[in-house]
Protein backbone atom coordinates (compact mmCIF):
# COMPACT_ATOMS: atom_id res chain seq x y z
CA UNK A 1 188.02 155.12 162.31
CA UNK A 2 186.17 154.09 165.45
CA UNK A 3 186.22 150.70 167.14
CA UNK A 4 183.22 149.39 165.21
CA UNK A 5 184.55 150.57 161.85
CA UNK A 6 187.96 149.03 162.59
CA UNK A 7 186.40 145.66 163.41
CA UNK A 8 184.61 145.41 160.07
CA UNK A 9 187.20 147.17 157.92
CA UNK A 10 188.66 145.09 155.10
CA UNK A 11 190.56 147.91 153.42
CA UNK A 12 193.33 146.68 151.16
CA UNK A 13 192.19 143.07 151.35
CA UNK A 14 191.57 141.10 148.17
CA UNK A 15 188.28 139.26 147.89
CA UNK A 16 186.84 136.82 145.35
CA UNK A 17 183.12 136.09 145.10
CA UNK A 18 181.99 133.28 142.80
CA UNK A 19 178.45 133.57 141.51
CA UNK A 20 178.85 137.28 142.17
CA UNK A 21 176.77 138.63 139.30
CA UNK A 22 173.42 138.37 141.06
CA UNK A 23 171.56 137.43 144.21
CA UNK A 24 173.49 136.71 147.38
CA UNK A 25 176.83 136.82 145.57
CA UNK A 26 176.13 140.36 144.42
CA UNK A 27 175.24 141.31 148.01
CA UNK A 28 178.53 139.82 149.26
CA UNK A 29 180.52 141.76 146.67
CA UNK A 30 178.65 144.98 147.42
CA UNK A 31 179.35 144.95 151.17
CA UNK A 32 183.00 143.98 150.65
CA UNK A 33 183.48 146.95 148.31
CA UNK A 34 181.77 149.27 150.77
CA UNK A 35 184.04 148.01 153.55
CA UNK A 36 187.18 148.75 151.53
CA UNK A 37 188.17 145.49 149.83
CA UNK A 38 189.42 145.04 146.29
CA UNK A 39 186.84 142.68 144.84
CA UNK A 40 186.83 140.17 142.00
CA UNK A 41 183.42 138.81 141.06
CA UNK A 42 183.27 135.66 138.96
CA UNK A 43 180.29 134.20 137.16
CA UNK A 44 179.59 132.05 134.12
CA UNK A 45 176.81 134.38 132.92
CA UNK A 46 178.90 136.94 131.05
CA UNK A 47 176.00 139.30 130.32
CA UNK A 48 174.97 139.42 133.97
CA UNK A 49 178.62 139.76 134.97
CA UNK A 50 179.13 142.90 132.87
CA UNK A 51 175.96 144.46 134.27
CA UNK A 52 176.99 143.63 137.83
CA UNK A 53 180.47 145.15 137.41
CA UNK A 54 178.96 148.36 136.04
CA UNK A 55 176.38 148.56 138.82
CA UNK A 56 178.89 147.82 141.59
CA UNK A 57 181.39 150.30 140.17
CA UNK A 58 178.73 153.02 140.11
CA UNK A 59 177.79 152.25 143.71
CA UNK A 60 181.44 152.30 144.78
CA UNK A 61 181.98 155.67 143.09
CA UNK A 62 178.90 157.06 144.80
CA UNK A 63 180.32 155.90 148.13
CA UNK A 64 183.59 157.73 147.43
CA UNK A 65 185.69 154.79 146.29
CA UNK A 66 187.38 155.53 142.98
CA UNK A 67 189.67 153.38 140.84
CA UNK A 68 193.39 154.20 140.54
CA UNK A 69 194.01 157.02 138.04
CA UNK A 70 194.11 155.53 134.56
CA UNK A 71 193.88 152.11 136.15
CA UNK A 72 197.69 151.96 136.33
CA UNK A 73 198.78 153.08 139.79
CA UNK A 74 197.48 150.15 141.78
CA UNK A 75 195.44 146.97 141.58
CA UNK A 76 191.85 147.37 140.38
CA UNK A 77 189.15 147.92 143.00
CA UNK A 78 186.68 145.80 141.07
CA UNK A 79 187.12 143.14 138.41
CA UNK A 80 184.77 140.73 136.69
CA UNK A 81 185.97 137.32 135.56
CA UNK A 82 184.11 134.65 133.62
CA UNK A 83 184.35 131.16 135.12
CA UNK A 84 182.44 127.90 135.30
CA UNK A 85 183.25 126.53 138.75
CA UNK A 86 182.43 122.96 137.70
CA UNK A 87 185.83 122.86 135.94
CA UNK A 88 188.68 122.59 138.47
CA UNK A 89 191.37 123.95 136.15
CA UNK A 90 189.24 127.01 135.37
CA UNK A 91 188.89 127.69 139.09
CA UNK A 92 192.61 127.24 139.75
CA UNK A 93 193.49 129.53 136.85
CA UNK A 94 191.05 132.16 138.12
CA UNK A 95 192.49 132.22 141.63
CA UNK A 96 196.07 132.12 140.37
CA UNK A 97 195.26 135.12 138.19
CA UNK A 98 193.78 137.01 141.13
CA UNK A 99 196.95 136.41 143.13
CA UNK A 100 199.16 137.36 140.19
CA UNK A 101 197.28 140.64 139.81
CA UNK A 102 196.91 141.58 143.47
CA UNK A 103 199.79 139.71 145.10
CA UNK A 104 197.53 137.83 147.52
CA UNK A 105 194.00 136.63 148.23
CA UNK A 106 192.44 137.30 151.63
CA UNK A 107 188.73 136.53 151.35
CA UNK A 108 186.91 133.98 149.22
CA UNK A 109 183.17 133.45 148.99
CA UNK A 110 182.58 130.02 147.40
CA UNK A 111 179.04 130.97 146.51
CA UNK A 112 178.25 129.94 142.91
CA UNK A 113 175.16 127.78 142.66
CA UNK A 114 172.34 126.72 140.37
CA UNK A 115 168.87 125.24 140.80
CA UNK A 116 167.80 122.06 139.02
CA UNK A 117 164.98 119.57 139.50
CA UNK A 118 161.66 119.66 141.32
CA UNK A 119 161.02 119.42 145.07
CA UNK A 120 159.53 116.22 146.55
CA UNK A 121 156.31 118.03 147.43
CA UNK A 122 155.55 117.97 143.68
CA UNK A 123 155.15 115.15 141.15
CA UNK A 124 158.37 114.47 139.23
CA UNK A 125 160.30 115.55 142.33
CA UNK A 126 159.70 112.31 144.20
CA UNK A 127 162.71 110.12 144.90
CA UNK A 128 161.86 107.52 142.26
CA UNK A 129 161.28 110.25 139.65
CA UNK A 130 164.57 112.13 140.04
CA UNK A 131 166.03 113.59 136.85
CA UNK A 132 169.57 112.27 137.14
CA UNK A 133 170.98 114.57 134.44
CA UNK A 134 169.71 117.58 136.40
CA UNK A 135 171.04 115.99 139.58
CA UNK A 136 174.54 115.65 138.15
CA UNK A 137 174.54 119.19 136.75
CA UNK A 138 173.65 120.65 140.13
CA UNK A 139 176.14 118.54 142.08
CA UNK A 140 178.91 119.59 139.69
CA UNK A 141 178.32 123.28 140.47
CA UNK A 142 176.88 123.43 143.99
CA UNK A 143 179.18 120.85 145.57
CA UNK A 144 182.17 120.22 143.33
CA UNK A 145 182.46 123.91 142.48
CA UNK A 146 182.71 124.75 146.18
CA UNK A 147 185.37 122.08 146.72
CA UNK A 148 187.41 123.30 143.75
CA UNK A 149 187.18 126.92 144.90
CA UNK A 150 188.17 126.23 148.51
CA UNK A 151 190.99 123.93 147.42
CA UNK A 152 192.45 126.48 145.01
CA UNK A 153 192.18 129.30 147.56
CA UNK A 154 193.75 127.18 150.29
CA UNK A 155 196.93 126.69 148.27
CA UNK A 156 197.64 130.41 148.46
CA UNK A 157 196.20 131.12 151.91
CA UNK A 158 198.31 128.40 153.52
CA UNK A 159 201.41 130.09 152.16
CA UNK A 160 200.17 133.45 153.46
CA UNK A 161 199.17 131.83 156.78
CA UNK A 162 195.96 133.83 156.73
CA UNK A 163 192.63 134.10 154.99
CA UNK A 164 188.89 133.75 155.38
CA UNK A 165 186.83 131.38 153.24
CA UNK A 166 183.04 131.46 153.35
CA UNK A 167 180.95 128.80 151.65
CA UNK A 168 177.28 129.17 150.81
CA UNK A 169 175.41 126.24 152.32
CA UNK A 170 171.65 126.29 152.99
CA UNK A 171 169.12 125.48 155.67
CA UNK A 172 168.13 122.73 153.20
CA UNK A 173 171.48 121.14 154.04
CA UNK A 174 170.66 121.08 157.74
CA UNK A 175 167.39 119.13 157.64
CA UNK A 176 164.99 117.49 155.21
CA UNK A 177 163.16 120.08 153.13
CA UNK A 178 160.17 119.08 150.98
CA UNK A 179 160.28 122.44 149.21
CA UNK A 180 163.77 121.79 147.81
CA UNK A 181 164.94 119.24 145.21
CA UNK A 182 166.92 116.23 146.38
CA UNK A 183 169.98 117.34 144.43
CA UNK A 184 170.07 120.69 146.21
CA UNK A 185 169.66 119.26 149.73
CA UNK A 186 172.31 116.61 149.05
CA UNK A 187 174.80 119.18 147.73
CA UNK A 188 174.25 121.63 150.57
CA UNK A 189 174.48 118.95 153.27
CA UNK A 190 177.81 117.93 151.79
CA UNK A 191 178.96 121.57 151.73
CA UNK A 192 178.20 121.81 155.47
CA UNK A 193 180.44 118.87 156.38
CA UNK A 194 183.09 119.81 153.84
CA UNK A 195 183.26 123.29 155.42
CA UNK A 196 183.84 121.81 158.86
CA UNK A 197 186.49 119.42 157.58
CA UNK A 198 188.31 122.18 155.72
CA UNK A 199 188.13 124.48 158.76
CA UNK A 200 189.78 121.86 160.95
CA UNK A 201 192.46 121.18 158.36
CA UNK A 202 193.32 124.79 157.51
CA UNK A 203 193.25 126.20 161.05
CA UNK A 204 196.90 125.16 161.43
CA UNK A 205 197.79 127.83 158.88
CA UNK A 206 195.55 130.54 160.34
CA UNK A 207 192.93 130.14 157.59
CA UNK A 208 189.32 130.35 158.72
CA UNK A 209 186.49 128.51 156.94
CA UNK A 210 182.82 129.10 157.72
CA UNK A 211 179.48 128.51 156.03
CA UNK A 212 176.47 130.75 155.66
CA UNK A 213 173.24 128.73 155.52
CA UNK A 214 170.55 130.91 153.96
CA UNK A 215 166.88 130.10 154.15
CA UNK A 216 164.46 131.45 151.53
CA UNK A 217 165.80 134.61 149.92
CA UNK A 218 164.49 136.53 146.92
CA UNK A 219 167.15 135.72 144.35
CA UNK A 220 167.27 134.65 140.72
CA UNK A 221 168.25 131.07 141.63
CA UNK A 222 166.04 128.80 139.59
CA UNK A 223 164.61 131.39 137.21
CA UNK A 224 164.88 134.77 135.55
CA UNK A 225 162.64 136.45 138.12
CA UNK A 226 163.67 136.67 141.80
CA UNK A 227 160.47 134.92 142.97
CA UNK A 228 157.00 134.29 141.72
CA UNK A 229 153.99 135.36 143.76
CA UNK A 230 153.24 131.68 144.34
CA UNK A 231 156.73 130.92 145.63
CA UNK A 232 156.71 134.04 147.79
CA UNK A 233 153.44 132.99 149.40
CA UNK A 234 154.64 129.40 149.89
CA UNK A 235 157.85 130.39 151.62
CA UNK A 236 156.28 133.20 153.64
CA UNK A 237 153.85 130.68 155.10
CA UNK A 238 156.67 128.58 156.58
CA UNK A 239 158.94 131.39 157.81
CA UNK A 240 158.12 132.64 161.33
CA UNK A 241 158.99 136.22 160.35
CA UNK A 242 156.35 135.86 157.65
CA UNK A 243 158.37 136.70 154.57
CA UNK A 244 161.35 135.79 152.40
CA UNK A 245 164.67 137.51 152.97
CA UNK A 246 166.12 140.24 150.78
CA UNK A 247 169.75 139.73 149.65
CA UNK A 248 170.79 142.96 151.40
CA UNK A 249 169.90 141.32 154.72
CA UNK A 250 172.74 138.82 154.41
CA UNK A 251 175.46 141.45 154.17
CA UNK A 252 176.04 141.86 157.91
CA UNK A 253 176.72 138.17 158.49
CA UNK A 254 178.93 138.03 155.40
CA UNK A 255 181.08 140.94 156.56
CA UNK A 256 181.32 139.54 160.08
CA UNK A 257 182.79 136.29 158.77
CA UNK A 258 185.08 137.99 156.26
CA UNK A 259 186.53 140.63 158.59
CA UNK A 260 188.55 140.71 161.78
CA UNK A 261 185.26 140.94 163.69
CA UNK A 262 185.06 137.18 163.13
CA UNK A 263 188.72 136.43 163.83
CA UNK A 264 187.94 133.62 166.32
CA UNK A 265 185.21 132.04 164.21
CA UNK A 266 185.97 128.95 162.15
CA UNK A 267 184.14 125.74 161.35
CA UNK A 268 180.78 127.39 161.98
CA UNK A 269 177.58 127.03 159.99
CA UNK A 270 175.39 130.08 160.44
CA UNK A 271 171.70 129.92 159.43
CA UNK A 272 170.03 133.14 158.32
CA UNK A 273 166.46 132.18 157.60
CA UNK A 274 163.87 134.32 159.35
CA UNK A 275 163.42 131.50 161.87
CA UNK A 276 162.46 128.83 159.29
CA UNK A 277 164.47 126.16 161.11
CA UNK A 278 162.34 126.72 164.22
CA UNK A 279 159.42 124.82 162.74
CA UNK A 280 159.59 121.45 161.08
CA UNK A 281 158.84 120.95 157.40
CA UNK A 282 155.75 119.02 156.36
CA UNK A 283 154.67 117.21 153.22
CA UNK A 284 151.16 117.18 151.78
CA UNK A 285 149.48 113.79 151.81
CA UNK A 286 149.54 111.97 148.45
CA UNK A 287 146.27 111.82 146.57
């Protein structure tokens, strides 16, 4: 390998991606596989999980990565696991199982997330109209699920005295965002500070913790379709590059943080948003 390939090589490392069956999680899993890691993707949507494993396995085979003969002469290159990250025991059991199978865990993407509620630019999304059941459901996954995942991974990585943990925050956690529900902005803002706190804590054991803060990307978050034409137009109007991001465009940043190329990076929050943070959000005037 050359210098560049060596920097981004994660061959033989064991990676877990929660929410890995679609969207940004799928993109994280895809680049990790391409860069040589053994990858476990976890998701609570079992149908999507099976499809993702098949698709990723086909892509890995096309790239020349093949599973051990008969699946018996080494740990699996790719595994799918069902998990609901809002249950701490389920998360601990998942990560313990990964370590039992592979002997270690090197990279964790605490990525699983859902969308609930309406943004404050719309009726029923205003502060006094918040759906508190939807609020609680989102906080349980988007915030508590991240905490549970990082906590469970840290137990093993501290013992190893190494590891890279990447949380999925959001530009909505870095400023007010009228296009995003209160529950989502609250959860992602908390993820930002939690990431920094965990990074400071775990640095003593050589464990790095960073956050990726995506802006508007075309994913299935919030619906069955990646984006509607209306949503695409809305977001494109507020992004200086004039469009939403494609999940494949997040892979470079993800691999940087996961690999030795980012070996001196911890406690960082890295926006990837087409420049959306460069211009302030605005709310329409009430009728």
